[in-house]
Amino acid sequence: MNEIGPLADPDQDFERLASSLRADSSDLSTFLEVLASKFEGALPGRARVDYQGGGMLRRNKSVRRIQVELGDNHFELLRERGAVVAKRTKVVRGITLKSDVLSLDGWVAELTAALVKQSQESSADRQALERLLG
């Protein structure tokens, strides 16, 4: 397999990305803001962030939902009553086949594994992974 750039070891990629995504999880608002910013920058077109409140200025808004589409797997974090609901949904040709509620750690692990897997299949996905780690 042709290895591209500095990310050559999938296990190391997984650990680096997982720890990066977990870094700010102790403060829910900060965690969601940082994650939303990372995904919007690294995965344009695949990541969507919905905000609530704050009127016209984004700085007064808080993240309500983060959605990331990676092939047939759709990952979602939703703020509900001061907590985060983490979901993974399997969607094939627009039809939802299965939806699972996961722990936040489980969600991070599954999303990370999907990102690492995709990064091995295309250079654009590898660049997106590098942006998430940067």
Protein backbone atom coordinates (compact mmCIF):
# COMPACT_ATOMS: atom_id res chain seq x y z
CA MET A 1 0.00 0.00 0.00
CA ASN A 2 1.27 3.45 -0.84
CA GLU A 3 1.81 5.48 2.33
CA ILE A 4 1.11 9.18 2.01
CA GLY A 5 2.74 11.82 4.17
CA PRO A 6 3.47 11.62 7.88
CA LEU A 7 0.46 9.46 8.77
CA ALA A 8 1.64 5.97 7.89
CA ASP A 9 0.55 3.89 10.91
CA PRO A 10 -3.25 3.45 11.20
CA ASP A 11 -3.02 2.54 14.90
CA GLN A 12 -1.02 5.67 15.64
CA ASP A 13 -3.43 7.75 13.52
CA PHE A 14 -6.33 6.35 15.53
CA GLU A 15 -4.74 7.12 18.89
CA ARG A 16 -3.66 10.64 17.88
CA LEU A 17 -7.07 11.56 16.52
CA ALA A 18 -9.01 9.98 19.39
CA SER A 19 -6.93 11.82 21.99
CA SER A 20 -7.29 15.06 20.01
CA LEU A 21 -11.09 14.72 19.90
CA ARG A 22 -11.30 13.84 23.61
CA ALA A 23 -8.98 16.65 24.72
CA ASP A 24 -11.67 19.13 25.74
CA SER A 25 -14.52 16.80 26.70
CA SER A 26 -14.57 17.80 30.40
CA ASP A 27 -16.35 21.09 29.56
CA LEU A 28 -19.35 20.29 27.37
CA SER A 29 -19.71 23.72 25.73
CA THR A 30 -16.01 24.08 25.00
CA PHE A 31 -15.83 20.49 23.75
CA LEU A 32 -18.69 21.03 21.29
CA GLU A 33 -17.33 24.38 20.10
CA VAL A 34 -13.83 22.99 19.51
CA LEU A 35 -15.14 19.85 17.82
CA ALA A 36 -17.50 21.88 15.60
CA SER A 37 -14.66 24.15 14.54
CA LYS A 38 -12.35 21.19 13.81
CA PHE A 39 -14.95 19.36 11.73
CA GLU A 40 -16.10 22.45 9.80
CA GLY A 41 -12.49 23.21 8.86
CA ALA A 42 -11.32 19.67 8.13
CA LEU A 43 -14.42 18.10 6.57
CA PRO A 44 -16.25 20.73 4.51
CA GLY A 45 -19.28 19.23 2.86
CA ARG A 46 -19.29 16.23 5.20
CA ALA A 47 -19.68 18.05 8.50
CA ARG A 48 -22.66 20.20 9.42
CA VAL A 49 -23.04 22.22 12.58
CA ASP A 50 -26.34 23.60 13.85
CA TYR A 51 -26.33 26.44 16.38
CA GLN A 52 -28.91 27.70 18.85
CA GLY A 53 -29.48 31.11 20.42
CA GLY A 54 -27.34 34.21 20.20
CA GLY A 55 -29.22 36.24 17.63
CA MET A 56 -27.15 37.48 14.69
CA LEU A 57 -23.66 37.11 16.17
CA ARG A 58 -22.15 33.62 16.07
CA ARG A 59 -20.06 34.23 19.18
CA ASN A 60 -23.25 34.29 21.25
CA LYS A 61 -24.53 31.04 19.77
CA SER A 62 -23.87 27.60 21.16
CA VAL A 63 -23.49 24.37 19.22
CA ARG A 64 -26.73 22.38 19.23
CA ARG A 65 -25.80 19.58 16.83
CA ILE A 66 -22.77 18.28 14.96
CA GLN A 67 -23.30 15.86 12.08
CA VAL A 68 -20.52 14.11 10.17
CA GLU A 69 -21.18 11.89 7.14
CA LEU A 70 -18.53 9.29 6.33
CA GLY A 71 -19.80 7.01 3.61
CA ASP A 72 -22.70 4.95 4.93
CA ASN A 73 -21.97 5.97 8.52
CA HIS A 74 -23.46 9.20 9.84
CA PHE A 75 -22.26 10.43 13.22
CA GLU A 76 -24.19 12.94 15.31
CA LEU A 77 -23.69 14.75 18.60
CA LEU A 78 -26.78 16.50 19.90
CA ARG A 79 -26.96 18.77 22.94
CA GLU A 80 -30.05 17.88 24.99
CA ARG A 81 -30.83 19.29 28.43
CA GLY A 82 -27.22 19.97 29.37
CA ALA A 83 -25.93 16.61 28.13
CA VAL A 84 -24.72 15.23 24.82
CA VAL A 85 -26.45 12.42 22.95
CA ALA A 86 -24.06 10.61 20.62
CA LYS A 87 -25.45 8.59 17.71
CA ARG A 88 -24.16 6.57 14.81
CA THR A 89 -26.55 5.82 11.97
CA LYS A 90 -26.07 3.44 9.05
CA VAL A 91 -27.63 4.99 5.92
CA VAL A 92 -27.66 3.25 2.55
CA ARG A 93 -29.06 5.05 -0.51
CA GLY A 94 -30.90 7.50 1.74
CA ILE A 95 -32.56 4.81 3.87
CA THR A 96 -31.70 4.54 7.56
CA LEU A 97 -30.96 0.90 8.32
CA LYS A 98 -29.75 1.15 11.89
CA SER A 99 -29.26 3.84 14.51
CA ASP A 100 -27.33 3.40 17.74
CA VAL A 101 -26.95 5.67 20.75
CA LEU A 102 -23.34 5.47 21.95
CA SER A 103 -21.34 6.70 24.89
CA LEU A 104 -19.27 9.76 24.06
CA ASP A 105 -16.07 7.68 24.25
CA GLY A 106 -17.65 5.03 22.00
CA TRP A 107 -18.73 7.70 19.52
CA VAL A 108 -15.25 9.22 19.42
CA ALA A 109 -13.69 5.76 18.95
CA GLU A 110 -16.04 4.77 16.11
CA LEU A 111 -15.81 8.13 14.35
CA THR A 112 -12.03 8.05 14.65
CA ALA A 113 -11.84 4.52 13.23
CA ALA A 114 -14.05 5.54 10.29
CA LEU A 115 -11.90 8.63 9.61
CA VAL A 116 -8.66 6.64 9.76
CA LYS A 117 -10.10 3.96 7.46
CA GLN A 118 -11.21 6.56 4.92
CA SER A 119 -7.86 8.33 5.12
CA GLN A 120 -6.21 5.14 3.91
CA GLU A 121 -8.42 5.11 0.81
CA SER A 122 -7.89 8.63 -0.54
CA SER A 123 -5.38 11.43 -0.33
CA ALA A 124 -8.17 14.01 0.20
CA ASP A 125 -9.37 12.07 3.24
CA ARG A 126 -5.79 11.80 4.49
CA GLN A 127 -5.45 15.58 4.23
CA ALA A 128 -8.71 15.99 6.16
CA LEU A 129 -7.35 13.72 8.90
CA GLU A 130 -4.15 15.76 9.03
CA ARG A 131 -6.21 18.97 9.42
CA LEU A 132 -8.09 17.40 12.33
CA LEU A 133 -4.81 16.50 14.00
CA GLY A 134 -3.25 19.90 13.33
